[in-house]
Each structure stands twice: as structure tokens, then as C-alpha cells.
Amino acid sequence: MEFLVTPVMDKPLWMWAGFIGIVIALLAFDLGVLHRKTHEVSIRESLWMSAFYIAIALAFGGWVWWSLGDQAGKEYLTGFIVEKTLALDNVFVISLIFTYFAIPPLYQHRVLFWGILGVIVLRGIMIALGATLVSQYSWVLYVFAVFLIFTGIKMLFVGDKHPDIGNNPLLKLMRRVFPISAGLDGQKFLTRQPDPKTGKWRTYATPLLVALALIEFVDLIFAVDSVPAIFTITLDPFIVFTSNIFAILGLRALYFALAAIIHRFRYLKPALAIVLIFIGSKTFIADAMGLEKFPANISLGVTLGLIAAGVIVSLIKTHKPGGHRP
């Protein structure tokens, strides 16, 4: 069993294997127990599931804090909060995708489940590439920091634009390359139908599969922000990967509760923009102050405070008569 202590990206193999085992067990429990039968996820079930995933993520963070030290624990928690908040933007876009393709709530969980599997793989690849770049070229970290500052400023001063799903380049490509059925065939991703021109039976992609592909594409775009953000918080690949994946795992559960009320969090985006500017700036602040690393407790406190303020102000402002409506 000596191979289990073999170092992989600065951590013994058993740590990576243990985390991946937790993820597989959670996905198996979700699909094999909670959603063994196809059903529409209620808001109540969504909230309980989300609370469960957050509790697991925080418990894992407690273990990181205990086993790897308070610095690692604070970095994990900061990364988890930032990634979780960034993931909320996905909820709005996913809702638009489901609406565009008229995907009924009954089948949305199936799309999100398989979407999460793809996201885990894509994030893993991007994080591995990021870790390799940062370890070999230290200046890449400053590129990430500048990118985050620019992204945060852009989020603050450029108004939100609703993405045009119909003009998405991936959707246009899929329509040219693959035959797509006009309607759903239950919860199938592929269906066999006669060609209206030749009468011959052929395989069609259903709107369910197209929606899944677009959700993966959207996450790839959002990962361009989230991966640099976590690397400016910590350079430990284990903390980067685990905090990122735990934030994404709970997104599926949270979607069903937030999709209908995401418009109420109108002040969360400016708060997140300031967080991104702060996270990017602290790389340069640490250098200017001669610090090897920006203090983790300050980073965690500022991040928590800004996100909490964004949530509280949003709920107060949109609760008042005449407040923001979608």
C-alpha cells in the first residue's frame, strides 16, 4: 500500500483518491437513491439537497483545516465561497437554456446531472493546466490577477446583457453538423425517427442533448473567470480542485431553488465584482508590502463580508414595494 503515499501535485495519492471517492459516492447517491425515479424537483427538496452539499463541503473544509493547517483551511473556505458565488451566474444562463428548448422541470435534473460530470472533467483539465503554468512560469499569476481586476471592473460598469441562446456559435454548429429532432422523446438524449425527406430512419439529437452541450459550453466560459480567481487565492492544486468541485457539485441542487428567484440577487453581482478586484489586487498588495502571501484571514473576512453584504442588500431592496422586478 506504499503507493498510496506517493506524492501527486504535492499531496499523497490517498488524499486525491479519497476526495474522488467522496465525489463518486455523492453522485451515485444522488442518481441511484434520491433520483432513482424521474420526478420534478421541488423547491423544498432543492433546498434540503443544497444544504446537504454545503454541509459536506464545509465538513471537508474542516478536515482540510485540521489536517493541513489554518492557512489551508482559510484558503479552501475563501475559494469555496468565491466559486459558489461565481457559479450563481450559471443558474441564470441555465434557466435561459431550459426555457429556450422548452425542457420541462421533470427532465431538467437529468440534464444537470450529466452536465455536472462533464464540468468536473473540464474543470479538472483546466485546473491541471493552470497549476502547470503557474508552477513553471510565476508571472502567469500576475496575468491572472490583472485579468480578475479587469473582469471585476467590467462587471461593475458594464450592464448585464441577456445571452442570445439562438445565436450561440455552438448551437449553430450543432444544427449544421447534427440532425436535431423538433421535440423531446421522453428523457432520451438521442432518438430514432424517419427522415422527413427520405423516409429512412436515422438518429437525431434531442433538444435535451443540445441543452446539455450548451450548459457544458457555458461552464467552460465561466471557468475562464473562476479558475484564475481560485489560483490567486491559493496555489495548492488540491485546495484549488476540491473547493472548485464542491462548489459545482452543489450547483445542481441549488438551481431548482434559485432559478425562480435569481432576479432578487441584483446587488450580488456588484459585490462579486468588488471581490474579484480585491482578489486580483491582493497579489500586488502583498508584493508592495513585502509579504510572501496576503494574510488568509483578511482575505476570508473581506470576501465573506462583501458577499454577505451583496445578499442582504439584494433581499432588502427587492422586498420593498416598488423594488426591482425582472
Protein backbone atom coordinates (compact mmCIF):
# COMPACT_ATOMS: atom_id res chain seq x y z
CA MET A 1 0.00 0.00 0.00
CA GLU A 2 3.06 2.26 -0.17
CA PHE A 3 1.84 3.66 -3.50
CA LEU A 4 -0.95 5.47 -1.61
CA VAL A 5 1.59 7.86 -0.09
CA THR A 6 3.13 8.61 -3.49
CA PRO A 7 3.08 12.42 -3.89
CA VAL A 8 0.83 13.73 -6.65
CA MET A 9 0.99 17.52 -7.07
CA ASP A 10 2.38 17.94 -3.54
CA LYS A 11 -0.23 15.73 -1.86
CA PRO A 12 -0.19 11.96 -1.20
CA LEU A 13 -2.21 9.87 -3.60
CA TRP A 14 -4.64 8.77 -0.87
CA MET A 15 -5.86 12.36 -0.45
CA TRP A 16 -6.76 12.63 -4.13
CA ALA A 17 -8.26 9.16 -4.17
CA GLY A 18 -10.28 9.90 -1.03
CA PHE A 19 -11.71 13.10 -2.48
CA ILE A 20 -12.58 11.49 -5.81
CA GLY A 21 -14.20 8.63 -3.88
CA ILE A 22 -16.37 11.16 -1.99
CA VAL A 23 -17.45 12.78 -5.25
CA ILE A 24 -18.32 9.42 -6.85
CA ALA A 25 -20.26 8.36 -3.74
CA LEU A 26 -22.23 11.64 -3.74
CA LEU A 27 -23.10 11.32 -7.43
CA ALA A 28 -24.08 7.66 -7.02
CA PHE A 29 -26.27 8.53 -4.01
CA ASP A 30 -27.90 11.35 -5.95
CA LEU A 31 -28.66 9.32 -9.07
CA GLY A 32 -29.18 5.88 -7.54
CA VAL A 33 -31.14 6.82 -4.41
CA LEU A 34 -32.54 10.37 -4.47
CA HIS A 35 -33.42 10.35 -8.17
CA ARG A 36 -33.77 6.68 -8.98
CA LYS A 37 -37.18 7.55 -10.39
CA THR A 38 -37.61 10.55 -12.66
CA HIS A 39 -39.53 13.28 -10.89
CA GLU A 40 -39.81 17.05 -10.75
CA VAL A 41 -37.52 18.51 -8.09
CA SER A 42 -39.47 20.71 -5.70
CA ILE A 43 -38.06 23.86 -4.09
CA ARG A 44 -38.19 22.12 -0.70
CA GLU A 45 -36.17 19.15 -1.98
CA SER A 46 -33.77 21.51 -3.72
CA LEU A 47 -33.10 23.45 -0.51
CA TRP A 48 -32.52 20.26 1.50
CA MET A 49 -30.19 18.88 -1.17
CA SER A 50 -28.30 22.16 -1.35
CA ALA A 51 -27.94 22.29 2.45
CA PHE A 52 -26.64 18.71 2.36
CA TYR A 53 -23.98 19.50 -0.26
CA ILE A 54 -22.91 22.68 1.54
CA ALA A 55 -22.64 20.75 4.83
CA ILE A 56 -20.45 18.11 3.15
CA ALA A 57 -18.27 20.83 1.59
CA LEU A 58 -17.86 22.62 4.93
CA ALA A 59 -17.12 19.34 6.72
CA PHE A 60 -14.42 18.62 4.16
CA GLY A 61 -13.11 22.15 4.72
CA GLY A 62 -12.96 21.41 8.44
CA TRP A 63 -10.87 18.34 7.69
CA VAL A 64 -8.57 20.42 5.45
CA TRP A 65 -8.22 22.97 8.28
CA TRP A 66 -7.42 20.23 10.81
CA SER A 67 -5.04 18.18 8.67
CA LEU A 68 -3.30 20.84 6.53
CA GLY A 69 -3.41 23.82 8.89
CA ASP A 70 -5.42 27.00 9.34
CA GLN A 71 -3.83 28.70 6.30
CA ALA A 72 -5.05 25.90 4.03
CA GLY A 73 -8.44 25.86 5.75
CA LYS A 74 -8.98 29.60 5.24
CA GLU A 75 -7.87 29.37 1.62
CA TYR A 76 -10.25 26.46 1.00
CA LEU A 77 -13.18 28.33 2.55
CA THR A 78 -12.38 31.54 0.65
CA GLY A 79 -12.09 29.62 -2.60
CA PHE A 80 -15.34 27.75 -1.97
CA ILE A 81 -17.27 30.97 -1.27
CA VAL A 82 -15.91 32.75 -4.34
CA GLU A 83 -16.50 29.77 -6.63
CA LYS A 84 -20.00 29.22 -5.23
CA THR A 85 -20.90 32.85 -5.84
CA LEU A 86 -19.43 32.84 -9.34
CA ALA A 87 -21.46 29.71 -10.08
CA LEU A 88 -24.70 31.60 -9.39
CA ASP A 89 -24.33 33.30 -12.77
CA ASN A 90 -24.62 29.83 -14.30
CA VAL A 91 -28.08 29.46 -12.77
CA PHE A 92 -29.47 32.36 -14.79
CA VAL A 93 -27.98 31.16 -18.08
CA ILE A 94 -29.03 27.54 -17.48
CA SER A 95 -32.57 28.79 -16.87
CA LEU A 96 -32.49 30.61 -20.22
CA ILE A 97 -31.26 27.46 -21.97
CA PHE A 98 -34.02 25.30 -20.47
CA THR A 99 -36.61 27.93 -21.40
CA TYR A 100 -35.33 28.24 -24.97
CA PHE A 101 -35.55 24.48 -25.59
CA ALA A 102 -38.77 24.10 -23.56
CA ILE A 103 -37.18 21.47 -21.28
CA PRO A 104 -39.82 20.56 -18.67
CA PRO A 105 -38.76 20.52 -14.98
CA LEU A 106 -39.31 16.74 -15.00
CA TYR A 107 -36.19 16.23 -17.15
CA GLN A 108 -34.02 19.12 -16.01
CA HIS A 109 -32.29 17.16 -13.25
CA ARG A 110 -31.13 14.53 -15.76
CA VAL A 111 -29.50 17.21 -17.92
CA LEU A 112 -27.88 18.88 -14.92
CA PHE A 113 -26.59 15.57 -13.51
CA TRP A 114 -24.72 14.63 -16.69
CA GLY A 115 -23.71 18.25 -17.09
CA ILE A 116 -22.00 18.15 -13.70
CA LEU A 117 -19.97 15.09 -14.75
CA GLY A 118 -18.71 16.96 -17.80
CA VAL A 119 -17.99 20.06 -15.72
CA ILE A 120 -15.87 18.06 -13.26
CA VAL A 121 -13.75 16.71 -16.11
CA LEU A 122 -13.40 20.12 -17.79
CA ARG A 123 -12.55 21.90 -14.53
CA GLY A 124 -10.03 19.18 -13.68
CA ILE A 125 -8.27 19.68 -17.02
CA MET A 126 -8.26 23.48 -16.72
CA ILE A 127 -7.00 23.39 -13.13
CA ALA A 128 -4.23 20.95 -14.06
CA LEU A 129 -3.17 23.23 -16.92
CA GLY A 130 -3.33 26.28 -14.64
CA ALA A 131 -1.25 24.57 -11.95
CA THR A 132 1.36 23.55 -14.53
CA LEU A 133 1.59 27.07 -15.95
CA VAL A 134 1.84 28.75 -12.54
CA SER A 135 4.49 26.31 -11.30
CA GLN A 136 6.66 26.78 -14.39
CA TYR A 137 6.02 30.47 -15.08
CA SER A 138 5.40 32.50 -11.93
CA TRP A 139 4.48 35.59 -13.96
CA VAL A 140 1.28 33.82 -15.08
CA LEU A 141 -0.14 34.51 -11.61
CA TYR A 142 0.15 38.25 -12.29
CA VAL A 143 -1.63 37.77 -15.61
CA PHE A 144 -4.45 36.03 -13.71
CA ALA A 145 -4.53 38.90 -11.19
CA VAL A 146 -4.75 41.61 -13.88
CA PHE A 147 -7.44 39.61 -15.68
CA LEU A 148 -9.51 39.40 -12.49
CA ILE A 149 -9.19 43.14 -11.84
CA PHE A 150 -10.27 43.87 -15.41
CA THR A 151 -13.17 41.40 -15.15
CA GLY A 152 -14.33 42.94 -11.86
CA ILE A 153 -14.22 46.49 -13.26
CA LYS A 154 -16.11 45.34 -16.34
CA MET A 155 -18.79 43.69 -14.17
CA LEU A 156 -19.18 46.91 -12.18
CA PHE A 157 -19.55 49.35 -15.06
CA VAL A 158 -20.93 47.30 -17.95
CA GLY A 159 -24.61 46.45 -17.71
CA ASP A 160 -25.83 42.86 -17.85
CA LYS A 161 -26.73 41.58 -21.29
CA HIS A 162 -29.01 38.61 -21.66
CA PRO A 163 -27.20 36.00 -23.77
CA ASP A 164 -28.86 35.23 -27.09
CA ILE A 165 -29.22 31.46 -26.95
CA GLY A 166 -30.43 31.20 -30.55
CA ASN A 167 -27.23 32.85 -31.85
CA ASN A 168 -24.86 30.77 -29.73
CA PRO A 169 -21.99 29.60 -32.00
CA LEU A 170 -22.06 26.06 -30.59
CA LEU A 171 -25.80 25.78 -31.27
CA LYS A 172 -25.30 26.98 -34.85
CA LEU A 173 -22.50 24.42 -35.34
CA MET A 174 -24.60 21.58 -33.92
CA ARG A 175 -27.51 22.48 -36.19
CA ARG A 176 -25.21 22.30 -39.21
CA VAL A 177 -23.48 19.06 -38.22
CA PHE A 178 -26.14 17.01 -36.41
CA PRO A 179 -29.79 16.37 -37.19
CA ILE A 180 -31.84 17.67 -34.26
CA SER A 181 -35.36 16.48 -33.53
CA ALA A 182 -38.13 19.06 -33.29
CA GLY A 183 -39.33 17.78 -29.93
CA LEU A 184 -38.36 15.64 -26.95
CA ASP A 185 -38.51 11.87 -26.75
CA GLY A 186 -39.00 11.45 -23.01
CA GLN A 187 -35.67 11.78 -21.24
CA LYS A 188 -33.62 10.41 -24.14
CA PHE A 189 -30.62 12.32 -25.46
CA LEU A 190 -30.80 10.51 -28.82
CA THR A 191 -33.86 9.30 -30.72
CA ARG A 192 -34.62 7.34 -33.88
CA GLN A 193 -37.04 8.99 -36.29
CA PRO A 194 -37.83 8.77 -40.00
CA ASP A 195 -36.19 11.43 -42.16
CA PRO A 196 -38.96 13.72 -43.47
CA LYS A 197 -37.26 13.88 -46.90
CA THR A 198 -36.18 10.25 -47.49
CA GLY A 199 -38.43 8.39 -45.07
CA LYS A 200 -35.43 6.40 -43.83
CA TRP A 201 -34.89 6.01 -40.08
CA ARG A 202 -31.96 7.94 -38.68
CA THR A 203 -30.60 9.03 -35.32
CA TYR A 204 -31.43 12.53 -34.11
CA ALA A 205 -30.08 14.53 -31.20
CA THR A 206 -32.95 15.65 -28.99
CA PRO A 207 -33.20 19.17 -27.51
CA LEU A 208 -32.16 17.52 -24.23
CA LEU A 209 -28.73 16.69 -25.67
CA VAL A 210 -28.37 20.13 -27.25
CA ALA A 211 -29.22 21.79 -23.92
CA LEU A 212 -26.60 19.60 -22.21
CA ALA A 213 -23.94 20.62 -24.75
CA LEU A 214 -24.74 24.32 -24.28
CA ILE A 215 -24.59 24.02 -20.48
CA GLU A 216 -21.10 22.47 -20.81
CA PHE A 217 -20.10 25.29 -23.17
CA VAL A 218 -21.41 27.93 -20.76
CA ASP A 219 -19.45 26.43 -17.88
CA LEU A 220 -16.30 26.49 -19.99
CA ILE A 221 -16.83 30.23 -20.50
CA PHE A 222 -17.46 30.82 -16.78
CA ALA A 223 -14.38 28.76 -15.89
CA VAL A 224 -12.27 31.43 -17.59
CA ASP A 225 -13.14 33.67 -14.60
CA SER A 226 -13.32 31.09 -11.83
CA VAL A 227 -10.05 29.22 -12.42
CA PRO A 228 -7.83 32.37 -12.35
CA ALA A 229 -9.80 33.52 -9.27
CA ILE A 230 -9.00 30.43 -7.23
CA PHE A 231 -5.32 30.46 -8.26
CA THR A 232 -4.95 33.99 -6.93
CA ILE A 233 -6.35 32.72 -3.61
CA THR A 234 -4.12 29.65 -3.32
CA LEU A 235 -1.51 27.84 -5.40
CA ASP A 236 -2.19 24.48 -3.76
CA PRO A 237 -3.71 22.30 -6.55
CA PHE A 238 -5.53 20.13 -4.00
CA ILE A 239 -7.34 23.09 -2.44
CA VAL A 240 -7.98 24.62 -5.86
CA PHE A 241 -9.57 21.42 -7.18
CA THR A 242 -11.55 20.41 -4.09
CA SER A 243 -13.05 23.85 -3.39
CA ASN A 244 -13.93 24.25 -7.07
CA ILE A 245 -15.60 20.85 -7.42
CA PHE A 246 -17.56 21.11 -4.16
CA ALA A 247 -18.92 24.50 -5.30
CA ILE A 248 -20.00 22.99 -8.63
CA LEU A 249 -21.47 19.81 -7.10
CA GLY A 250 -24.00 21.77 -5.08
CA LEU A 251 -24.95 23.99 -8.01
CA ARG A 252 -27.28 21.36 -9.47
CA ALA A 253 -29.20 21.10 -6.21
CA LEU A 254 -29.31 24.86 -5.73
CA TYR A 255 -30.56 25.51 -9.26
CA PHE A 256 -34.14 24.39 -8.65
CA ALA A 257 -34.50 26.69 -5.63
CA LEU A 258 -32.77 29.72 -7.17
CA ALA A 259 -33.96 29.63 -10.79
CA ALA A 260 -37.24 31.37 -9.97
CA ILE A 261 -35.78 34.00 -7.60
CA ILE A 262 -32.32 34.67 -9.02
CA HIS A 263 -33.53 38.15 -10.08
CA ARG A 264 -33.73 39.11 -6.40
CA PHE A 265 -29.94 38.97 -6.07
CA ARG A 266 -29.36 42.06 -8.23
CA TYR A 267 -26.73 43.50 -5.83
CA LEU A 268 -24.78 40.27 -5.55
CA LYS A 269 -23.06 40.82 -8.88
CA PRO A 270 -21.55 44.21 -7.91
CA ALA A 271 -20.40 42.65 -4.63
CA LEU A 272 -18.80 39.80 -6.56
CA ALA A 273 -17.17 42.30 -8.92
CA ILE A 274 -15.54 44.04 -5.93
CA VAL A 275 -14.44 40.63 -4.60
CA LEU A 276 -12.73 39.85 -7.92
CA ILE A 277 -10.99 43.24 -7.91
CA PHE A 278 -9.87 42.65 -4.32
CA ILE A 279 -8.63 39.11 -5.03
CA GLY A 280 -6.70 40.30 -8.07
CA SER A 281 -5.28 43.33 -6.24
CA LYS A 282 -4.04 41.43 -3.19
CA THR A 283 -1.35 39.77 -5.31
CA PHE A 284 0.19 43.20 -5.97
CA ILE A 285 -0.55 44.46 -2.43
CA ALA A 286 1.38 41.52 -0.95
CA ASP A 287 4.38 42.33 -3.17
CA ALA A 288 4.24 46.03 -2.29
CA MET A 289 4.17 45.20 1.44
CA GLY A 290 6.98 42.67 1.13
CA LEU A 291 4.72 39.80 2.16
CA GLU A 292 5.24 36.29 0.86
CA LYS A 293 1.48 35.82 0.87
CA PHE A 294 -1.52 38.03 1.58
CA PRO A 295 -2.97 37.15 5.04
CA ALA A 296 -5.57 34.40 4.61
CA ASN A 297 -7.75 35.63 7.48
CA ILE A 298 -8.09 39.10 5.94
CA SER A 299 -8.83 37.58 2.53
CA LEU A 300 -11.52 35.34 4.01
CA GLY A 301 -13.04 38.15 6.10
CA VAL A 302 -13.24 40.64 3.22
CA THR A 303 -14.71 38.00 0.86
CA LEU A 304 -17.34 36.90 3.39
CA GLY A 305 -18.24 40.48 4.25
CA LEU A 306 -18.68 41.62 0.64
CA ILE A 307 -20.73 38.58 -0.43
CA ALA A 308 -22.92 38.77 2.69
CA ALA A 309 -23.50 42.49 2.10
CA GLY A 310 -24.49 41.82 -1.52
CA VAL A 311 -27.01 39.15 -0.47
CA ILE A 312 -28.51 41.19 2.39
CA VAL A 313 -28.85 44.41 0.39
CA SER A 314 -30.38 42.48 -2.52
CA LEU A 315 -33.01 40.83 -0.34
CA ILE A 316 -33.88 44.10 1.42
CA LYS A 317 -34.08 46.20 -1.76
CA THR A 318 -36.16 43.68 -3.73
CA HIS A 319 -38.51 43.07 -0.81
CA LYS A 320 -39.67 46.67 -0.64
CA PRO A 321 -42.78 47.75 -2.60
CA GLY A 322 -41.67 49.07 -5.95
CA GLY A 323 -38.35 47.19 -5.64
CA HIS A 324 -36.62 45.55 -8.58
CA ARG A 325 -38.63 43.18 -10.68
CA PRO A 326 -37.35 41.09 -13.58
